[in-house]
Amino acid sequence: MIVVVGIKAHWIRGTDRYVRYSLRLDYSIITRYSVMVETLLMAKKRNTACVARKHELSKRPLLSEGQARPLESIFKTMANTTRLRMVHALVQSGELCVGELAEKLGMTPQAVSNQLQRLSHSSIVESRREGLQVYYNIVDPCVVSLLELCWCLAEETGKSMSAKGKSRKVAS
């Protein structure tokens, strides 16, 4: 019998690699996570949506209220300009400590730490301690895909809204 003590996952700083590793090494576990890492790398190159997608959305049954609540919680957590900027900074850098993130965003370390707690509580980011520093990184590549899709939607919606505004001005 194989006992897995725990699993960690993080973006490797300065690279495009996402790594999951087990605290207890076993051939089947190593093989499983090696395949996952390769899949994530290929997906990142193709710039596809979330790799962990199980079924195409249009083929799933309609969301129940119980299924919608966790989604609502994620969207509520992400519906904050500061947290969105933090997630984007972590996507760009892979991993940052509180001080580096505060400097990059032009905020105080305490304010950054408070927002990181909310992201951590929602399992969007995770932390690791190295000496006195606490480093944060994105937990799941789906978060990156969500940010990319939302940004794309905002840009497209902004284009269509500005086009509607221009046509209204011309018609007036």
N, C-alpha and C. Protein backbone atom coordinates (compact mmCIF):
# COMPACT_ATOMS: atom_id res chain seq x y z
N MET A 1 0.84 -1.19 0.00
CA MET A 1 0.00 0.00 0.00
C MET A 1 0.89 1.24 0.00
N ILE A 2 0.52 2.20 -0.83
CA ILE A 2 1.30 3.43 -0.95
C ILE A 2 0.54 4.56 -0.28
N VAL A 3 1.21 5.29 0.57
CA VAL A 3 0.59 6.41 1.25
C VAL A 3 1.24 7.69 0.73
N VAL A 4 0.41 8.59 0.22
CA VAL A 4 0.91 9.87 -0.24
C VAL A 4 0.72 10.86 0.90
N VAL A 5 1.81 11.42 1.37
CA VAL A 5 1.77 12.33 2.50
C VAL A 5 1.13 13.66 2.11
N GLY A 6 1.42 14.14 0.94
CA GLY A 6 0.85 15.40 0.48
C GLY A 6 1.32 15.71 -0.91
N ILE A 7 0.65 16.64 -1.54
CA ILE A 7 1.01 17.03 -2.90
C ILE A 7 1.15 18.55 -2.94
N LYS A 8 2.21 19.02 -3.53
CA LYS A 8 2.45 20.45 -3.70
C LYS A 8 2.41 20.77 -5.18
N ALA A 9 2.04 21.99 -5.51
CA ALA A 9 2.04 22.42 -6.90
C ALA A 9 2.46 23.87 -6.95
N HIS A 10 3.29 24.23 -7.93
CA HIS A 10 3.65 25.63 -8.09
C HIS A 10 4.29 25.88 -9.46
N TRP A 11 4.23 27.14 -9.85
CA TRP A 11 4.93 27.57 -11.06
C TRP A 11 6.38 27.74 -10.68
N ILE A 12 7.28 27.26 -11.52
CA ILE A 12 8.70 27.43 -11.25
C ILE A 12 9.08 28.84 -11.68
N ARG A 13 9.64 29.58 -10.76
CA ARG A 13 9.96 30.99 -10.98
C ARG A 13 10.85 31.17 -12.21
N GLY A 14 10.45 32.12 -13.07
CA GLY A 14 11.25 32.46 -14.24
C GLY A 14 11.11 31.49 -15.40
N THR A 15 10.17 30.55 -15.32
CA THR A 15 9.97 29.61 -16.41
C THR A 15 8.48 29.50 -16.72
N ASP A 16 8.15 28.72 -17.72
CA ASP A 16 6.76 28.46 -18.06
C ASP A 16 6.34 27.08 -17.57
N ARG A 17 7.00 26.57 -16.55
CA ARG A 17 6.73 25.21 -16.10
C ARG A 17 5.89 25.21 -14.83
N TYR A 18 4.89 24.36 -14.84
CA TYR A 18 4.04 24.13 -13.68
C TYR A 18 4.37 22.74 -13.17
N VAL A 19 4.70 22.61 -11.89
CA VAL A 19 5.16 21.34 -11.38
C VAL A 19 4.30 20.91 -10.20
N ARG A 20 3.91 19.66 -10.21
CA ARG A 20 3.25 19.03 -9.07
C ARG A 20 4.16 17.91 -8.63
N TYR A 21 4.37 17.78 -7.35
CA TYR A 21 5.20 16.69 -6.89
C TYR A 21 4.65 16.15 -5.57
N SER A 22 4.91 14.91 -5.33
CA SER A 22 4.42 14.23 -4.14
C SER A 22 5.53 14.20 -3.11
N LEU A 23 5.14 14.25 -1.84
CA LEU A 23 6.13 14.16 -0.78
C LEU A 23 6.61 12.73 -0.59
N ARG A 24 5.86 11.77 -1.10
CA ARG A 24 6.27 10.37 -1.07
C ARG A 24 6.45 9.93 -2.51
N LEU A 25 7.64 9.56 -2.89
CA LEU A 25 7.92 9.22 -4.28
C LEU A 25 7.56 7.78 -4.57
N ASP A 26 6.91 7.56 -5.66
CA ASP A 26 6.54 6.24 -6.12
C ASP A 26 6.45 6.31 -7.64
N TYR A 27 6.80 5.26 -8.32
CA TYR A 27 6.83 5.26 -9.78
C TYR A 27 5.49 5.67 -10.38
N SER A 28 4.37 5.13 -9.89
CA SER A 28 3.07 5.45 -10.48
C SER A 28 2.71 6.92 -10.26
N ILE A 29 3.07 7.46 -9.10
CA ILE A 29 2.79 8.87 -8.82
C ILE A 29 3.65 9.76 -9.71
N ILE A 30 4.92 9.43 -9.82
CA ILE A 30 5.82 10.22 -10.66
C ILE A 30 5.33 10.20 -12.10
N THR A 31 4.93 9.04 -12.59
CA THR A 31 4.44 8.93 -13.96
C THR A 31 3.19 9.78 -14.16
N ARG A 32 2.25 9.68 -13.23
CA ARG A 32 1.00 10.43 -13.34
C ARG A 32 1.26 11.93 -13.41
N TYR A 33 2.11 12.46 -12.54
CA TYR A 33 2.36 13.88 -12.50
C TYR A 33 3.28 14.34 -13.63
N SER A 34 4.13 13.47 -14.12
CA SER A 34 4.95 13.81 -15.28
C SER A 34 4.06 14.04 -16.49
N VAL A 35 3.07 13.17 -16.66
CA VAL A 35 2.12 13.33 -17.76
C VAL A 35 1.35 14.63 -17.60
N MET A 36 0.95 14.95 -16.36
CA MET A 36 0.21 16.18 -16.11
C MET A 36 1.06 17.40 -16.47
N VAL A 37 2.34 17.39 -16.09
CA VAL A 37 3.23 18.51 -16.39
C VAL A 37 3.38 18.67 -17.90
N GLU A 38 3.58 17.57 -18.61
CA GLU A 38 3.70 17.64 -20.06
C GLU A 38 2.43 18.18 -20.68
N THR A 39 1.27 17.75 -20.20
CA THR A 39 -0.01 18.23 -20.73
C THR A 39 -0.16 19.72 -20.50
N LEU A 40 0.21 20.19 -19.30
CA LEU A 40 0.12 21.61 -19.00
C LEU A 40 1.05 22.43 -19.89
N LEU A 41 2.25 21.93 -20.11
CA LEU A 41 3.20 22.64 -20.97
C LEU A 41 2.68 22.72 -22.40
N MET A 42 2.13 21.61 -22.91
CA MET A 42 1.59 21.62 -24.27
C MET A 42 0.40 22.57 -24.36
N ALA A 43 -0.45 22.58 -23.35
CA ALA A 43 -1.61 23.46 -23.36
C ALA A 43 -1.19 24.92 -23.33
N LYS A 44 -0.17 25.22 -22.55
CA LYS A 44 0.32 26.60 -22.47
C LYS A 44 0.85 27.05 -23.82
N LYS A 45 1.55 26.15 -24.53
CA LYS A 45 2.06 26.48 -25.86
C LYS A 45 0.92 26.72 -26.84
N ARG A 46 -0.14 25.93 -26.73
CA ARG A 46 -1.29 26.08 -27.63
C ARG A 46 -2.19 27.22 -27.20
N ASN A 47 -1.97 27.75 -25.99
CA ASN A 47 -2.78 28.82 -25.43
C ASN A 47 -4.24 28.40 -25.32
N THR A 48 -4.47 27.19 -24.86
CA THR A 48 -5.83 26.69 -24.71
C THR A 48 -6.37 27.02 -23.34
N ALA A 49 -7.67 26.79 -23.19
CA ALA A 49 -8.32 27.03 -21.91
C ALA A 49 -7.91 25.94 -20.92
N CYS A 50 -8.52 25.96 -19.79
CA CYS A 50 -8.18 25.09 -18.66
C CYS A 50 -7.99 23.64 -19.07
N VAL A 51 -6.84 23.08 -18.70
CA VAL A 51 -6.50 21.70 -19.03
C VAL A 51 -7.35 20.73 -18.22
N ALA A 52 -7.73 21.14 -17.03
CA ALA A 52 -8.44 20.24 -16.14
C ALA A 52 -9.92 20.08 -16.50
N ARG A 53 -10.35 20.68 -17.59
CA ARG A 53 -11.74 20.60 -18.00
C ARG A 53 -12.12 19.14 -18.22
N LYS A 54 -13.22 18.70 -17.59
CA LYS A 54 -13.63 17.32 -17.70
C LYS A 54 -14.58 17.11 -18.86
N HIS A 55 -15.51 18.02 -19.03
CA HIS A 55 -16.52 17.88 -20.08
C HIS A 55 -16.73 19.24 -20.73
N GLU A 56 -17.11 19.21 -21.98
CA GLU A 56 -17.43 20.45 -22.67
C GLU A 56 -18.64 21.08 -21.98
N LEU A 57 -18.59 22.36 -21.76
CA LEU A 57 -19.62 23.07 -21.00
C LEU A 57 -21.01 22.90 -21.61
N SER A 58 -21.12 22.95 -22.92
CA SER A 58 -22.44 22.86 -23.57
C SER A 58 -23.07 21.48 -23.40
N LYS A 59 -22.27 20.48 -23.07
CA LYS A 59 -22.80 19.12 -22.92
C LYS A 59 -23.12 18.78 -21.46
N ARG A 60 -22.80 19.66 -20.55
CA ARG A 60 -23.10 19.42 -19.13
C ARG A 60 -24.55 19.78 -18.84
N PRO A 61 -25.16 19.12 -17.85
CA PRO A 61 -26.51 19.52 -17.45
C PRO A 61 -26.47 20.91 -16.81
N LEU A 62 -27.62 21.57 -16.79
CA LEU A 62 -27.72 22.92 -16.22
C LEU A 62 -27.24 22.91 -14.77
N LEU A 63 -26.48 23.93 -14.40
CA LEU A 63 -25.97 24.05 -13.03
C LEU A 63 -27.11 24.07 -12.02
N SER A 64 -26.92 23.33 -10.95
CA SER A 64 -27.87 23.43 -9.84
C SER A 64 -27.40 24.60 -8.97
N GLU A 65 -28.24 25.01 -8.03
CA GLU A 65 -27.83 26.09 -7.13
C GLU A 65 -26.61 25.67 -6.31
N GLY A 66 -26.59 24.41 -5.89
CA GLY A 66 -25.46 23.91 -5.11
C GLY A 66 -24.16 23.92 -5.90
N GLN A 67 -24.23 23.64 -7.21
CA GLN A 67 -23.04 23.66 -8.05
C GLN A 67 -22.62 25.09 -8.37
N ALA A 68 -23.58 26.01 -8.39
CA ALA A 68 -23.28 27.40 -8.74
C ALA A 68 -22.62 28.16 -7.60
N ARG A 69 -22.86 27.75 -6.36
CA ARG A 69 -22.31 28.48 -5.21
C ARG A 69 -20.78 28.55 -5.20
N PRO A 70 -20.06 27.43 -5.42
CA PRO A 70 -18.59 27.55 -5.44
C PRO A 70 -18.09 28.45 -6.58
N LEU A 71 -18.80 28.42 -7.72
CA LEU A 71 -18.42 29.30 -8.82
C LEU A 71 -18.64 30.76 -8.43
N GLU A 72 -19.75 31.01 -7.78
CA GLU A 72 -20.05 32.37 -7.32
C GLU A 72 -18.97 32.86 -6.37
N SER A 73 -18.53 31.98 -5.48
CA SER A 73 -17.49 32.33 -4.52
C SER A 73 -16.18 32.71 -5.23
N ILE A 74 -15.81 31.94 -6.24
CA ILE A 74 -14.59 32.24 -6.99
C ILE A 74 -14.72 33.59 -7.70
N PHE A 75 -15.86 33.83 -8.35
CA PHE A 75 -16.05 35.09 -9.05
C PHE A 75 -16.08 36.27 -8.06
N LYS A 76 -16.67 36.08 -6.89
CA LYS A 76 -16.66 37.15 -5.89
C LYS A 76 -15.24 37.46 -5.43
N THR A 77 -14.45 36.43 -5.22
CA THR A 77 -13.07 36.64 -4.81
C THR A 77 -12.29 37.37 -5.89
N MET A 78 -12.49 36.98 -7.13
CA MET A 78 -11.75 37.59 -8.24
C MET A 78 -12.30 38.96 -8.64
N ALA A 79 -13.49 39.32 -8.17
CA ALA A 79 -14.13 40.58 -8.56
C ALA A 79 -13.60 41.74 -7.73
N ASN A 80 -12.31 41.96 -7.78
CA ASN A 80 -11.66 43.02 -7.03
C ASN A 80 -10.42 43.43 -7.83
N THR A 81 -10.30 44.71 -8.12
CA THR A 81 -9.20 45.16 -8.98
C THR A 81 -7.83 44.84 -8.38
N THR A 82 -7.69 44.98 -7.07
CA THR A 82 -6.40 44.69 -6.44
C THR A 82 -6.04 43.22 -6.58
N ARG A 83 -7.02 42.33 -6.30
CA ARG A 83 -6.73 40.90 -6.40
C ARG A 83 -6.48 40.49 -7.85
N LEU A 84 -7.19 41.08 -8.80
CA LEU A 84 -6.94 40.79 -10.21
C LEU A 84 -5.51 41.19 -10.60
N ARG A 85 -5.08 42.36 -10.14
CA ARG A 85 -3.72 42.81 -10.43
C ARG A 85 -2.69 41.90 -9.78
N MET A 86 -2.98 41.42 -8.57
CA MET A 86 -2.06 40.50 -7.89
C MET A 86 -1.93 39.20 -8.66
N VAL A 87 -3.06 38.65 -9.09
CA VAL A 87 -3.03 37.40 -9.85
C VAL A 87 -2.24 37.61 -11.14
N HIS A 88 -2.45 38.73 -11.81
CA HIS A 88 -1.71 39.00 -13.05
C HIS A 88 -0.21 39.13 -12.78
N ALA A 89 0.14 39.79 -11.70
CA ALA A 89 1.57 39.92 -11.34
C ALA A 89 2.18 38.55 -11.05
N LEU A 90 1.42 37.68 -10.40
CA LEU A 90 1.91 36.33 -10.12
C LEU A 90 2.01 35.50 -11.40
N VAL A 91 1.10 35.72 -12.33
CA VAL A 91 1.18 35.03 -13.62
C VAL A 91 2.45 35.48 -14.35
N GLN A 92 2.73 36.77 -14.34
CA GLN A 92 3.92 37.30 -15.01
C GLN A 92 5.21 36.79 -14.39
N SER A 93 5.26 36.76 -13.05
CA SER A 93 6.51 36.45 -12.36
C SER A 93 6.62 34.99 -11.93
N GLY A 94 5.51 34.29 -11.85
CA GLY A 94 5.54 32.91 -11.41
C GLY A 94 5.42 32.78 -9.90
N GLU A 95 6.23 33.52 -9.18
CA GLU A 95 6.23 33.44 -7.72
C GLU A 95 6.82 34.74 -7.18
N LEU A 96 6.18 35.33 -6.19
CA LEU A 96 6.66 36.57 -5.59
C LEU A 96 6.45 36.52 -4.09
N CYS A 97 7.34 37.19 -3.35
CA CYS A 97 7.11 37.35 -1.92
C CYS A 97 6.25 38.59 -1.72
N VAL A 98 5.72 38.77 -0.53
CA VAL A 98 4.81 39.87 -0.24
C VAL A 98 5.45 41.21 -0.57
N GLY A 99 6.70 41.41 -0.16
CA GLY A 99 7.40 42.68 -0.41
C GLY A 99 7.56 42.97 -1.89
N GLU A 100 7.93 41.96 -2.68
CA GLU A 100 8.08 42.15 -4.13
C GLU A 100 6.74 42.48 -4.78
N LEU A 101 5.70 41.80 -4.34
CA LEU A 101 4.37 42.04 -4.88
C LEU A 101 3.88 43.44 -4.50
N ALA A 102 4.14 43.85 -3.27
CA ALA A 102 3.74 45.19 -2.81
C ALA A 102 4.45 46.27 -3.63
N GLU A 103 5.73 46.07 -3.88
CA GLU A 103 6.50 47.03 -4.67
C GLU A 103 5.99 47.11 -6.11
N LYS A 104 5.73 45.95 -6.68
CA LYS A 104 5.25 45.88 -8.06
C LYS A 104 3.90 46.56 -8.23
N LEU A 105 3.03 46.44 -7.21
CA LEU A 105 1.68 47.00 -7.29
C LEU A 105 1.57 48.40 -6.70
N GLY A 106 2.65 48.86 -6.05
CA GLY A 106 2.62 50.19 -5.43
C GLY A 106 1.70 50.23 -4.21
N MET A 107 1.73 49.17 -3.42
CA MET A 107 0.88 49.06 -2.23
C MET A 107 1.75 48.77 -1.01
N THR A 108 1.13 48.84 0.16
CA THR A 108 1.86 48.48 1.38
C THR A 108 1.87 46.96 1.52
N PRO A 109 2.91 46.41 2.12
CA PRO A 109 2.96 44.96 2.34
C PRO A 109 1.76 44.43 3.14
N GLN A 110 1.28 45.22 4.10
CA GLN A 110 0.14 44.79 4.90
C GLN A 110 -1.12 44.66 4.05
N ALA A 111 -1.36 45.63 3.15
CA ALA A 111 -2.53 45.57 2.28
C ALA A 111 -2.44 44.37 1.33
N VAL A 112 -1.24 44.14 0.82
CA VAL A 112 -1.02 42.99 -0.08
C VAL A 112 -1.26 41.69 0.68
N SER A 113 -0.75 41.61 1.88
CA SER A 113 -0.90 40.40 2.69
C SER A 113 -2.37 40.10 2.98
N ASN A 114 -3.15 41.15 3.27
CA ASN A 114 -4.58 40.96 3.53
C ASN A 114 -5.29 40.39 2.30
N GLN A 115 -4.98 40.92 1.13
CA GLN A 115 -5.62 40.43 -0.09
C GLN A 115 -5.14 39.02 -0.45
N LEU A 116 -3.87 38.73 -0.19
CA LEU A 116 -3.35 37.39 -0.45
C LEU A 116 -4.02 36.35 0.43
N GLN A 117 -4.40 36.75 1.65
CA GLN A 117 -5.12 35.83 2.54
C GLN A 117 -6.46 35.44 1.91
N ARG A 118 -7.15 36.39 1.32
CA ARG A 118 -8.43 36.09 0.66
C ARG A 118 -8.23 35.15 -0.52
N LEU A 119 -7.19 35.42 -1.32
CA LEU A 119 -6.90 34.55 -2.47
C LEU A 119 -6.48 33.16 -2.00
N SER A 120 -5.74 33.10 -0.92
CA SER A 120 -5.29 31.82 -0.38
C SER A 120 -6.47 31.03 0.19
N HIS A 121 -7.36 31.71 0.88
CA HIS A 121 -8.54 31.07 1.46
C HIS A 121 -9.42 30.44 0.37
N SER A 122 -9.43 31.04 -0.81
CA SER A 122 -10.21 30.53 -1.94
C SER A 122 -9.42 29.54 -2.79
N SER A 123 -8.23 29.16 -2.34
CA SER A 123 -7.35 28.22 -3.04
C SER A 123 -6.94 28.70 -4.43
N ILE A 124 -6.82 30.00 -4.60
CA ILE A 124 -6.36 30.58 -5.87
C ILE A 124 -4.85 30.69 -5.85
N VAL A 125 -4.29 31.04 -4.70
CA VAL A 125 -2.83 31.08 -4.53
C VAL A 125 -2.45 30.21 -3.35
N GLU A 126 -1.18 29.83 -3.32
CA GLU A 126 -0.65 29.11 -2.18
C GLU A 126 0.68 29.75 -1.80
N SER A 127 1.11 29.48 -0.59
CA SER A 127 2.35 30.09 -0.10
C SER A 127 3.35 29.02 0.29
N ARG A 128 4.60 29.45 0.30
CA ARG A 128 5.68 28.62 0.82
C ARG A 128 6.65 29.56 1.52
N ARG A 129 7.19 29.09 2.60
CA ARG A 129 8.11 29.90 3.40
C ARG A 129 9.54 29.54 3.03
N GLU A 130 10.35 30.58 2.86
CA GLU A 130 11.78 30.40 2.63
C GLU A 130 12.49 31.38 3.55
N GLY A 131 12.96 30.89 4.67
CA GLY A 131 13.55 31.78 5.67
C GLY A 131 12.48 32.67 6.26
N LEU A 132 12.72 33.98 6.19
CA LEU A 132 11.74 34.94 6.70
C LEU A 132 10.71 35.34 5.64
N GLN A 133 10.97 35.00 4.40
CA GLN A 133 10.08 35.40 3.30
C GLN A 133 8.99 34.35 3.06
N VAL A 134 7.81 34.83 2.71
CA VAL A 134 6.71 33.95 2.30
C VAL A 134 6.46 34.25 0.83
N TYR A 135 6.59 33.22 -0.01
CA TYR A 135 6.39 33.36 -1.45
C TYR A 135 5.02 32.83 -1.84
N TYR A 136 4.38 33.50 -2.77
CA TYR A 136 3.05 33.11 -3.25
C TYR A 136 3.12 32.77 -4.73
N ASN A 137 2.29 31.81 -5.13
CA ASN A 137 2.18 31.44 -6.53
C ASN A 137 0.76 30.97 -6.82
N ILE A 138 0.42 30.89 -8.10
CA ILE A 138 -0.90 30.44 -8.54
C ILE A 138 -1.00 28.93 -8.31
N VAL A 139 -2.10 28.47 -7.75
CA VAL A 139 -2.28 27.05 -7.46
C VAL A 139 -2.62 26.26 -8.72
N ASP A 140 -3.53 26.76 -9.52
CA ASP A 140 -4.08 25.97 -10.62
C ASP A 140 -4.00 26.76 -11.92
N PRO A 141 -3.60 26.12 -13.02
CA PRO A 141 -3.53 26.84 -14.29
C PRO A 141 -4.89 27.32 -14.79
N CYS A 142 -5.97 26.77 -14.26
CA CYS A 142 -7.30 27.25 -14.64
C CYS A 142 -7.50 28.71 -14.24
N VAL A 143 -6.84 29.15 -13.18
CA VAL A 143 -6.92 30.54 -12.74
C VAL A 143 -6.36 31.45 -13.83
N VAL A 144 -5.25 31.03 -14.42
CA VAL A 144 -4.62 31.80 -15.50
C VAL A 144 -5.58 31.86 -16.69
N SER A 145 -6.17 30.73 -17.03
CA SER A 145 -7.11 30.68 -18.15
C SER A 145 -8.33 31.56 -17.88
N LEU A 146 -8.82 31.54 -16.64
CA LEU A 146 -9.96 32.37 -16.27
C LEU A 146 -9.62 33.85 -16.45
N LEU A 147 -8.46 34.25 -15.99
CA LEU A 147 -8.04 35.65 -16.13
C LEU A 147 -7.91 36.03 -17.61
N GLU A 148 -7.31 35.15 -18.40
CA GLU A 148 -7.17 35.42 -19.84
C GLU A 148 -8.53 35.56 -20.52
N LEU A 149 -9.45 34.65 -20.21
CA LEU A 149 -10.78 34.68 -20.83
C LEU A 149 -11.56 35.92 -20.41
N CYS A 150 -11.49 36.27 -19.12
CA CYS A 150 -12.19 37.46 -18.65
C CYS A 150 -11.62 38.73 -19.26
N TRP A 151 -10.30 38.78 -19.39
CA TRP A 151 -9.65 39.94 -20.00
C TRP A 151 -10.07 40.06 -21.46
N CYS A 152 -10.08 38.93 -22.16
CA CYS A 152 -10.51 38.90 -23.56
C CYS A 152 -11.95 39.39 -23.68
N LEU A 153 -12.82 38.89 -22.81
CA LEU A 153 -14.23 39.30 -22.83
C LEU A 153 -14.36 40.80 -22.56
N ALA A 154 -13.60 41.30 -21.59
CA ALA A 154 -13.65 42.73 -21.26
C ALA A 154 -13.20 43.58 -22.44
N GLU A 155 -12.15 43.14 -23.15
CA GLU A 155 -11.67 43.88 -24.32
C GLU A 155 -12.72 43.86 -25.43
N GLU A 156 -13.30 42.69 -25.69
CA GLU A 156 -14.32 42.58 -26.74
C GLU A 156 -15.57 43.36 -26.39
N THR A 157 -15.99 43.28 -25.12
CA THR A 157 -17.17 44.02 -24.68
C THR A 157 -16.89 45.51 -24.75
N GLY A 158 -15.68 45.91 -24.39
CA GLY A 158 -15.30 47.33 -24.48
C GLY A 158 -15.33 47.84 -25.91
N LYS A 159 -14.87 47.01 -26.86
CA LYS A 159 -14.90 47.40 -28.27
C LYS A 159 -16.34 47.56 -28.74
N SER A 160 -17.19 46.61 -28.40
CA SER A 160 -18.58 46.68 -28.86
C SER A 160 -19.31 47.84 -28.19
N MET A 161 -19.00 48.10 -26.91
CA MET A 161 -19.64 49.22 -26.21
C MET A 161 -19.20 50.55 -26.79
N SER A 162 -17.90 50.68 -27.12
CA SER A 162 -17.43 51.94 -27.70
C SER A 162 -17.98 52.12 -29.11
N ALA A 163 -18.14 51.03 -29.86
CA ALA A 163 -18.74 51.12 -31.19
C ALA A 163 -20.20 51.55 -31.11
N LYS A 164 -20.94 51.03 -30.13
CA LYS A 164 -22.34 51.43 -29.94
C LYS A 164 -22.42 52.89 -29.54
N GLY A 165 -21.50 53.32 -28.67
CA GLY A 165 -21.47 54.72 -28.24
C GLY A 165 -21.21 55.64 -29.39
N LYS A 166 -20.30 55.28 -30.31
CA LYS A 166 -19.99 56.11 -31.47
C LYS A 166 -21.19 56.19 -32.41
N SER A 167 -21.88 55.06 -32.61
CA SER A 167 -23.03 55.07 -33.52
C SER A 167 -24.16 55.90 -32.95
N ARG A 168 -24.32 55.91 -31.62
CA ARG A 168 -25.35 56.73 -31.00
C ARG A 168 -25.03 58.21 -31.17
N LYS A 169 -23.74 58.58 -31.02
CA LYS A 169 -23.34 59.98 -31.16
C LYS A 169 -23.57 60.47 -32.58
N VAL A 170 -23.27 59.62 -33.54
CA VAL A 170 -23.45 60.00 -34.95
C VAL A 170 -24.93 60.17 -35.25
N ALA A 171 -25.76 59.27 -34.70
CA ALA A 171 -27.19 59.33 -34.97
C ALA A 171 -27.85 60.53 -34.32
N SER A 172 -27.26 61.06 -33.25
CA SER A 172 -27.89 62.19 -32.52
C SER A 172 -27.85 63.44 -33.26
